[in-house]
């Protein structure tokens, strides 16, 4: 719901809702499961708005997810992390790193047969 709100132009409210949802998932111990796509959507929304503070907040949200211990290997988390890393590299102007993560993301999406991620990966320039 918050993502649709952001797409319609109300990014400020949407970002607040996303942060609140992710904070709740952290409290419930769900960051490494349900919080993975939620963090991905937050990072993308912040980077679409694109202020310097947004990039810092996106990096912070990403770092919180990366540093949260996972009980087991979780490919859904890994594929989202590749996607977020690509977007963060692009936002920082690091085109070579962006292309590397984008290509790794595409490869993983195809290998896993994750159709949604395959489509998203193909849409990445």
C-alpha atoms as a PDB file:
ATOM      1  CA  UNK A   1       0.000   0.000   0.000  1.00  0.00           C
ATOM      2  CA  UNK A   2       2.809   2.403   0.873  1.00  0.00           C
ATOM      3  CA  UNK A   3       4.603   1.616  -2.412  1.00  0.00           C
ATOM      4  CA  UNK A   4       1.486   2.537  -4.383  1.00  0.00           C
ATOM      5  CA  UNK A   5       1.212   5.733  -2.366  1.00  0.00           C
ATOM      6  CA  UNK A   6       4.798   6.555  -3.329  1.00  0.00           C
ATOM      7  CA  UNK A   7       4.088   5.838  -7.002  1.00  0.00           C
ATOM      8  CA  UNK A   8       1.219   8.287  -6.846  1.00  0.00           C
ATOM      9  CA  UNK A   9       3.525  10.994  -5.574  1.00  0.00           C
ATOM     10  CA  UNK A  10       3.110  10.843  -1.797  1.00  0.00           C
ATOM     11  CA  UNK A  11       6.635   9.573  -1.122  1.00  0.00           C
ATOM     12  CA  UNK A  12       7.017  11.288   2.238  1.00  0.00           C
ATOM     13  CA  UNK A  13       4.027   9.554   3.810  1.00  0.00           C
ATOM     14  CA  UNK A  14       4.849   6.287   2.063  1.00  0.00           C
ATOM     15  CA  UNK A  15       8.409   6.280   3.397  1.00  0.00           C
ATOM     16  CA  UNK A  16       7.148   6.921   6.920  1.00  0.00           C
ATOM     17  CA  UNK A  17       4.733   3.990   6.604  1.00  0.00           C
ATOM     18  CA  UNK A  18       7.470   1.727   5.223  1.00  0.00           C
ATOM     19  CA  UNK A  19       9.835   2.632   8.046  1.00  0.00           C
ATOM     20  CA  UNK A  20       7.119   1.990  10.637  1.00  0.00           C
ATOM     21  CA  UNK A  21       6.311  -1.392   9.085  1.00  0.00           C
ATOM     22  CA  UNK A  22       9.969  -2.423   9.012  1.00  0.00           C
ATOM     23  CA  UNK A  23      10.490  -1.262  12.603  1.00  0.00           C
ATOM     24  CA  UNK A  24       7.542  -3.462  13.620  1.00  0.00           C
ATOM     25  CA  UNK A  25       9.031  -6.421  11.734  1.00  0.00           C
ATOM     26  CA  UNK A  26      12.303  -5.878  13.594  1.00  0.00           C
ATOM     27  CA  UNK A  27      10.458  -5.932  16.929  1.00  0.00           C
ATOM     28  CA  UNK A  28       8.755  -9.170  15.898  1.00  0.00           C
ATOM     29  CA  UNK A  29      12.016 -10.771  14.788  1.00  0.00           C
ATOM     30  CA  UNK A  30      10.855 -10.886  11.171  1.00  0.00           C
ATOM     31  CA  UNK A  31      13.473  -8.692   9.485  1.00  0.00           C
ATOM     32  CA  UNK A  32      15.244 -11.579   7.776  1.00  0.00           C
ATOM     33  CA  UNK A  33      11.985 -12.929   6.353  1.00  0.00           C
ATOM     34  CA  UNK A  34       9.124 -10.506   5.763  1.00  0.00           C
ATOM     35  CA  UNK A  35      11.458  -7.558   6.241  1.00  0.00           C
ATOM     36  CA  UNK A  36      13.552  -8.462   3.208  1.00  0.00           C
ATOM     37  CA  UNK A  37      11.110  -7.378   0.488  1.00  0.00           C
ATOM     38  CA  UNK A  38       9.873  -4.532   2.692  1.00  0.00           C
ATOM     39  CA  UNK A  39      13.423  -3.213   2.997  1.00  0.00           C
ATOM     40  CA  UNK A  40      13.908  -3.637  -0.749  1.00  0.00           C
ATOM     41  CA  UNK A  41      10.839  -1.538  -1.474  1.00  0.00           C
ATOM     42  CA  UNK A  42      11.957   1.101   1.047  1.00  0.00           C
ATOM     43  CA  UNK A  43      15.447   1.304  -0.485  1.00  0.00           C
ATOM     44  CA  UNK A  44      14.029   1.658  -4.003  1.00  0.00           C
ATOM     45  CA  UNK A  45      11.539   4.322  -2.915  1.00  0.00           C
ATOM     46  CA  UNK A  46      14.214   6.331  -1.136  1.00  0.00           C
ATOM     47  CA  UNK A  47      16.581   6.137  -4.100  1.00  0.00           C
ATOM     48  CA  UNK A  48      13.824   7.134  -6.516  1.00  0.00           C
ATOM     49  CA  UNK A  49      13.322  10.316  -4.514  1.00  0.00           C
ATOM     50  CA  UNK A  50      17.087  10.608  -4.498  1.00  0.00           C
ATOM     51  CA  UNK A  51      18.149  13.284  -2.039  1.00  0.00           C
ATOM     52  CA  UNK A  52      21.484  12.878  -0.258  1.00  0.00           C
ATOM     53  CA  UNK A  53      19.613  12.087   2.954  1.00  0.00           C
ATOM     54  CA  UNK A  54      17.573   9.465   1.099  1.00  0.00           C
ATOM     55  CA  UNK A  55      20.732   7.725  -0.097  1.00  0.00           C
ATOM     56  CA  UNK A  56      22.095   7.712   3.457  1.00  0.00           C
ATOM     57  CA  UNK A  57      18.808   6.335   4.806  1.00  0.00           C
ATOM     58  CA  UNK A  58      18.721   3.671   2.051  1.00  0.00           C
ATOM     59  CA  UNK A  59      22.275   2.619   2.937  1.00  0.00           C
ATOM     60  CA  UNK A  60      21.302   2.424   6.603  1.00  0.00           C
ATOM     61  CA  UNK A  61      18.244   0.268   5.877  1.00  0.00           C
ATOM     62  CA  UNK A  62      20.364  -2.011   3.693  1.00  0.00           C
ATOM     63  CA  UNK A  63      23.105  -2.261   6.334  1.00  0.00           C
ATOM     64  CA  UNK A  64      20.560  -3.158   9.024  1.00  0.00           C
ATOM     65  CA  UNK A  65      19.309  -6.017   6.871  1.00  0.00           C
ATOM     66  CA  UNK A  66      22.809  -7.245   5.985  1.00  0.00           C
ATOM     67  CA  UNK A  67      24.015  -7.207   9.579  1.00  0.00           C
ATOM     68  CA  UNK A  68      20.957  -8.988  10.991  1.00  0.00           C
ATOM     69  CA  UNK A  69      21.954 -12.599  11.561  1.00  0.00           C
ATOM     70  CA  UNK A  70      19.979 -15.136   9.563  1.00  0.00           C
ATOM     71  CA  UNK A  71      19.254 -18.568  10.973  1.00  0.00           C
ATOM     72  CA  UNK A  72      19.784 -20.246   7.628  1.00  0.00           C
ATOM     73  CA  UNK A  73      20.695 -19.611   4.011  1.00  0.00           C
ATOM     74  CA  UNK A  74      17.862 -17.696   2.420  1.00  0.00           C
ATOM     75  CA  UNK A  75      17.967 -17.191  -1.367  1.00  0.00           C
ATOM     76  CA  UNK A  76      15.102 -14.708  -1.287  1.00  0.00           C
ATOM     77  CA  UNK A  77      17.194 -12.495   0.975  1.00  0.00           C
ATOM     78  CA  UNK A  78      20.252 -12.948  -1.247  1.00  0.00           C
ATOM     79  CA  UNK A  79      18.469 -11.964  -4.441  1.00  0.00           C
ATOM     80  CA  UNK A  80      16.943  -8.880  -2.832  1.00  0.00           C
ATOM     81  CA  UNK A  81      20.375  -7.905  -1.481  1.00  0.00           C
ATOM     82  CA  UNK A  82      21.875  -8.079  -4.981  1.00  0.00           C
ATOM     83  CA  UNK A  83      19.078  -5.878  -6.310  1.00  0.00           C
ATOM     84  CA  UNK A  84      19.536  -3.340  -3.509  1.00  0.00           C
ATOM     85  CA  UNK A  85      23.332  -3.332  -3.929  1.00  0.00           C
ATOM     86  CA  UNK A  86      22.895  -2.544  -7.615  1.00  0.00           C
ATOM     87  CA  UNK A  87      20.559   0.353  -6.892  1.00  0.00           C
ATOM     88  CA  UNK A  88      22.831   1.727  -4.182  1.00  0.00           C
ATOM     89  CA  UNK A  89      25.863   1.573  -6.488  1.00  0.00           C
ATOM     90  CA  UNK A  90      23.936   3.422  -9.201  1.00  0.00           C
ATOM     91  CA  UNK A  91      22.808   6.079  -6.702  1.00  0.00           C
ATOM     92  CA  UNK A  92      26.451   6.559  -5.682  1.00  0.00           C
ATOM     93  CA  UNK A  93      27.497   6.981  -9.310  1.00  0.00           C
ATOM     94  CA  UNK A  94      29.536   3.756  -9.395  1.00  0.00           C
ATOM     95  CA  UNK A  95      28.554   2.482 -12.840  1.00  0.00           C
ATOM     96  CA  UNK A  96      30.965  -0.457 -12.938  1.00  0.00           C
ATOM     97  CA  UNK A  97      29.767  -1.810  -9.608  1.00  0.00           C
ATOM     98  CA  UNK A  98      26.167  -1.192 -10.633  1.00  0.00           C
ATOM     99  CA  UNK A  99      26.599  -3.250 -13.800  1.00  0.00           C
ATOM    100  CA  UNK A 100      28.329  -6.041 -11.880  1.00  0.00           C
ATOM    101  CA  UNK A 101      25.528  -6.334  -9.312  1.00  0.00           C
ATOM    102  CA  UNK A 102      22.846  -5.920 -11.989  1.00  0.00           C
ATOM    103  CA  UNK A 103      24.348  -8.769 -14.017  1.00  0.00           C
ATOM    104  CA  UNK A 104      24.696 -10.975 -10.937  1.00  0.00           C
ATOM    105  CA  UNK A 105      21.097 -10.190 -10.016  1.00  0.00           C
ATOM    106  CA  UNK A 106      19.893 -11.117 -13.526  1.00  0.00           C
ATOM    107  CA  UNK A 107      21.860 -14.360 -13.446  1.00  0.00           C
ATOM    108  CA  UNK A 108      20.528 -15.364 -10.041  1.00  0.00           C
ATOM    109  CA  UNK A 109      16.936 -14.489 -10.978  1.00  0.00           C
ATOM    110  CA  UNK A 110      17.193 -16.626 -14.102  1.00  0.00           C
ATOM    111  CA  UNK A 111      18.908 -19.532 -12.336  1.00  0.00           C
ATOM    112  CA  UNK A 112      16.217 -19.585  -9.654  1.00  0.00           C
ATOM    113  CA  UNK A 113      13.386 -19.040 -12.126  1.00  0.00           C
ATOM    114  CA  UNK A 114      11.976 -16.168 -10.066  1.00  0.00           C
ATOM    115  CA  UNK A 115       9.790 -14.638 -12.767  1.00  0.00           C
ATOM    116  CA  UNK A 116       9.113 -11.342 -11.001  1.00  0.00           C
ATOM    117  CA  UNK A 117      12.802 -10.790 -10.341  1.00  0.00           C
ATOM    118  CA  UNK A 118      13.620 -11.886 -13.899  1.00  0.00           C
ATOM    119  CA  UNK A 119      11.329  -9.167 -15.247  1.00  0.00           C
ATOM    120  CA  UNK A 120      12.684  -6.541 -12.835  1.00  0.00           C
ATOM    121  CA  UNK A 121      16.252  -7.488 -13.736  1.00  0.00           C
ATOM    122  CA  UNK A 122      15.572  -7.084 -17.449  1.00  0.00           C
ATOM    123  CA  UNK A 123      14.132  -3.617 -16.807  1.00  0.00           C
ATOM    124  CA  UNK A 124      17.371  -2.457 -15.168  1.00  0.00           C
ATOM    125  CA  UNK A 125      19.453  -0.420 -17.656  1.00  0.00           C
END
